[in-house]
């Protein structure tokens, strides 16, 4: 018996194959069957006749870092089928940071992110990502941002990193 059966949908699997009409059986949080499941028992059934059933979409370039923390339901994206947000794009984000770095990035992104009412006490990538874990609707993937890491080691200096600064940057990336 399935917990949920999505029946009669047009299945688009994201591989580039043509769609097919099928049912999707779900137990717990996992898809356990895809195919013709007529007669299968389920606690709940959704008739997807006339609708497309597909995996969630990944937004690989969103800058939703603070938006997600301020609006954890993330309704505009969820309604579009986005189930994963990739953060840390363009080499900038809010971790890893020192107090000075956080002040700089908050000001740098103020026009985009505003100043949401958040507790800004994280410093490392792990602490930052813990804010998202089971707290926001979509899944979150994170790219340790080079610009943020470089700022922590060199500030705004326009020069190559010294061996010591490079070692510090490598340490921050490894921690991230």
Protein backbone atom coordinates (compact mmCIF):
# COMPACT_ATOMS: atom_id res chain seq x y z
CA UNK A 1 0.00 0.00 0.00
CA UNK A 2 1.24 3.47 -0.88
CA UNK A 3 0.98 6.53 1.33
CA UNK A 4 0.27 8.59 -1.79
CA UNK A 5 -0.62 7.63 -5.34
CA UNK A 6 -0.45 10.23 -8.10
CA UNK A 7 -2.45 8.76 -10.95
CA UNK A 8 -3.10 9.52 -14.63
CA UNK A 9 -0.34 12.11 -14.96
CA UNK A 10 1.93 12.85 -17.87
CA UNK A 11 5.34 11.92 -16.48
CA UNK A 12 8.30 14.05 -17.54
CA UNK A 13 11.42 12.59 -15.95
CA UNK A 14 13.94 15.31 -16.79
CA UNK A 15 16.17 13.05 -18.89
CA UNK A 16 15.01 14.42 -22.23
CA UNK A 17 12.89 11.36 -23.00
CA UNK A 18 9.36 12.00 -24.25
CA UNK A 19 6.65 12.14 -21.60
CA UNK A 20 4.62 9.04 -20.80
CA UNK A 21 1.33 8.49 -19.03
CA UNK A 22 1.89 6.71 -15.73
CA UNK A 23 1.17 6.66 -12.02
CA UNK A 24 3.59 7.44 -9.20
CA UNK A 25 3.49 5.50 -5.93
CA UNK A 26 5.04 7.14 -2.86
CA UNK A 27 5.83 5.63 0.53
CA UNK A 28 7.05 8.04 3.19
CA UNK A 29 9.25 10.56 1.40
CA UNK A 30 10.31 8.23 -1.42
CA UNK A 31 8.95 7.39 -4.83
CA UNK A 32 8.76 3.60 -4.78
CA UNK A 33 6.97 2.85 -8.08
CA UNK A 34 6.33 4.48 -11.43
CA UNK A 35 4.15 2.81 -14.03
CA UNK A 36 0.60 1.58 -14.53
CA UNK A 37 -0.52 1.16 -10.92
CA UNK A 38 -4.28 0.82 -11.50
CA UNK A 39 -5.90 -0.94 -8.57
CA UNK A 40 -3.07 -0.11 -6.17
CA UNK A 41 -4.17 0.88 -2.69
CA UNK A 42 -3.10 4.22 -1.22
CA UNK A 43 -3.94 6.32 1.82
CA UNK A 44 -4.32 9.34 -0.48
CA UNK A 45 -4.80 9.62 -4.22
CA UNK A 46 -4.21 12.64 -6.45
CA UNK A 47 -5.75 12.46 -9.91
CA UNK A 48 -3.23 14.26 -12.14
CA UNK A 49 -5.32 13.88 -15.32
CA UNK A 50 -4.39 16.77 -17.62
CA UNK A 51 -1.33 17.66 -15.55
CA UNK A 52 2.41 17.05 -15.78
CA UNK A 53 4.18 15.22 -12.98
CA UNK A 54 7.91 15.85 -12.88
CA UNK A 55 10.84 16.03 -10.48
CA UNK A 56 11.48 19.31 -8.74
CA UNK A 57 13.57 21.89 -10.54
CA UNK A 58 16.98 23.12 -9.42
CA UNK A 59 17.58 26.86 -9.58
CA UNK A 60 21.34 26.90 -10.14
CA UNK A 61 21.71 30.68 -9.89
CA UNK A 62 19.37 32.39 -7.49
CA UNK A 63 20.99 34.62 -4.84
CA UNK A 64 18.17 33.54 -2.52
CA UNK A 65 20.48 33.28 0.50
CA UNK A 66 18.75 35.85 2.72
CA UNK A 67 15.36 35.65 1.03
CA UNK A 68 15.09 32.02 2.14
CA UNK A 69 15.96 32.91 5.72
CA UNK A 70 13.47 35.77 5.79
CA UNK A 71 10.74 33.86 3.88
CA UNK A 72 11.31 30.16 4.62
CA UNK A 73 8.20 28.93 2.78
CA UNK A 74 9.72 30.34 -0.44
CA UNK A 75 6.27 30.30 -2.05
CA UNK A 76 7.09 32.05 -5.34
CA UNK A 77 9.68 29.43 -6.25
CA UNK A 78 7.85 26.43 -4.79
CA UNK A 79 4.83 27.31 -6.92
CA UNK A 80 7.09 27.19 -9.98
CA UNK A 81 8.33 23.72 -9.04
CA UNK A 82 11.75 24.80 -7.75
CA UNK A 83 12.71 22.37 -5.00
CA UNK A 84 16.45 23.08 -4.78
CA UNK A 85 18.27 26.42 -4.58
CA UNK A 86 22.02 26.70 -5.21
CA UNK A 87 23.48 29.46 -3.02
CA UNK A 88 26.88 31.18 -2.98
CA UNK A 89 26.72 32.15 -6.63
CA UNK A 90 29.12 34.55 -8.32
CA UNK A 91 31.64 33.95 -5.56
CA UNK A 92 29.74 35.90 -2.91
CA UNK A 93 27.52 35.03 0.01
CA UNK A 94 27.35 35.46 3.76
CA UNK A 95 29.74 32.75 4.95
CA UNK A 96 32.46 32.19 5.90
CA UNK A 97 32.72 35.63 7.47
CA UNK A 98 34.26 37.57 10.33
CA UNK A 99 32.39 40.43 11.99
CA UNK A 100 34.06 42.85 9.55
CA UNK A 101 33.23 40.64 6.56
CA UNK A 102 29.59 40.25 7.55
CA UNK A 103 29.21 44.01 7.91
CA UNK A 104 30.77 44.47 4.46
CA UNK A 105 28.55 41.85 2.72
CA UNK A 106 25.39 43.12 4.42
CA UNK A 107 26.09 46.59 3.03
CA UNK A 108 27.20 45.23 -0.36
CA UNK A 109 23.93 43.30 -0.80
CA UNK A 110 21.62 45.82 0.90
CA UNK A 111 19.97 46.96 -2.36
CA UNK A 112 19.20 43.34 -3.32
CA UNK A 113 18.41 41.72 0.04
CA UNK A 114 17.31 44.67 2.16
CA UNK A 115 18.01 44.21 5.85
CA UNK A 116 15.74 41.37 6.98
CA UNK A 117 15.16 40.94 10.70
CA UNK A 118 17.51 38.02 11.27
CA UNK A 119 19.88 36.89 13.98
CA UNK A 120 23.22 37.51 12.20
CA UNK A 121 25.36 35.46 14.56
CA UNK A 122 26.77 32.81 12.16
CA UNK A 123 30.35 33.01 10.96
CA UNK A 124 31.23 29.65 9.40
CA UNK A 125 29.61 27.87 6.46
CA UNK A 126 28.29 25.12 8.75
CA UNK A 127 26.60 27.63 11.05
CA UNK A 128 25.13 29.45 8.04
CA UNK A 129 23.79 26.26 6.44
CA UNK A 130 22.31 25.12 9.76
CA UNK A 131 19.91 28.06 9.36
CA UNK A 132 18.45 26.37 6.29
CA UNK A 133 18.47 22.72 7.37
CA UNK A 134 14.85 21.63 7.88
CA UNK A 135 13.91 25.29 8.28
CA UNK A 136 13.14 26.26 4.67
CA UNK A 137 10.90 24.65 2.04
CA UNK A 138 13.44 23.93 -0.71
CA UNK A 139 16.62 21.91 -0.52
CA UNK A 140 19.76 24.02 -0.41
CA UNK A 141 23.13 23.42 -2.05
CA UNK A 142 26.03 25.78 -1.31
CA UNK A 143 29.08 26.84 -3.27
CA UNK A 144 31.76 28.13 -0.92
CA UNK A 145 32.13 31.62 -2.39
CA UNK A 146 35.59 32.63 -3.57
CA UNK A 147 34.95 36.38 -3.20
CA UNK A 148 33.82 36.00 0.40
CA UNK A 149 36.79 33.75 1.18
CA UNK A 150 39.21 36.16 -0.50
CA UNK A 151 37.72 39.12 1.39
CA UNK A 152 38.34 37.29 4.67
CA UNK A 153 42.00 36.83 3.78
CA UNK A 154 42.86 40.05 1.88
CA UNK A 155 40.03 42.52 2.40
CA UNK A 156 39.69 44.56 -0.79
CA UNK A 157 43.39 44.47 -1.66
CA UNK A 158 43.92 44.37 -5.44
CA UNK A 159 46.91 42.03 -5.56
CA UNK A 160 47.73 38.34 -5.54
CA UNK A 161 47.41 36.60 -2.19
CA UNK A 162 50.56 35.95 -0.19
CA UNK A 163 51.42 32.36 0.81
CA UNK A 164 49.95 32.99 4.28
CA UNK A 165 46.77 34.51 2.88
CA UNK A 166 46.41 31.66 0.41
CA UNK A 167 46.83 29.15 3.25
CA UNK A 168 44.10 30.98 5.20
CA UNK A 169 41.81 30.89 2.14
CA UNK A 170 42.46 27.16 1.72
CA UNK A 171 41.58 26.60 5.36
CA UNK A 172 38.30 28.50 5.00
CA UNK A 173 37.38 26.49 1.89
CA UNK A 174 38.25 23.20 3.61
CA UNK A 175 36.06 24.14 6.59
CA UNK A 176 33.25 25.11 4.21
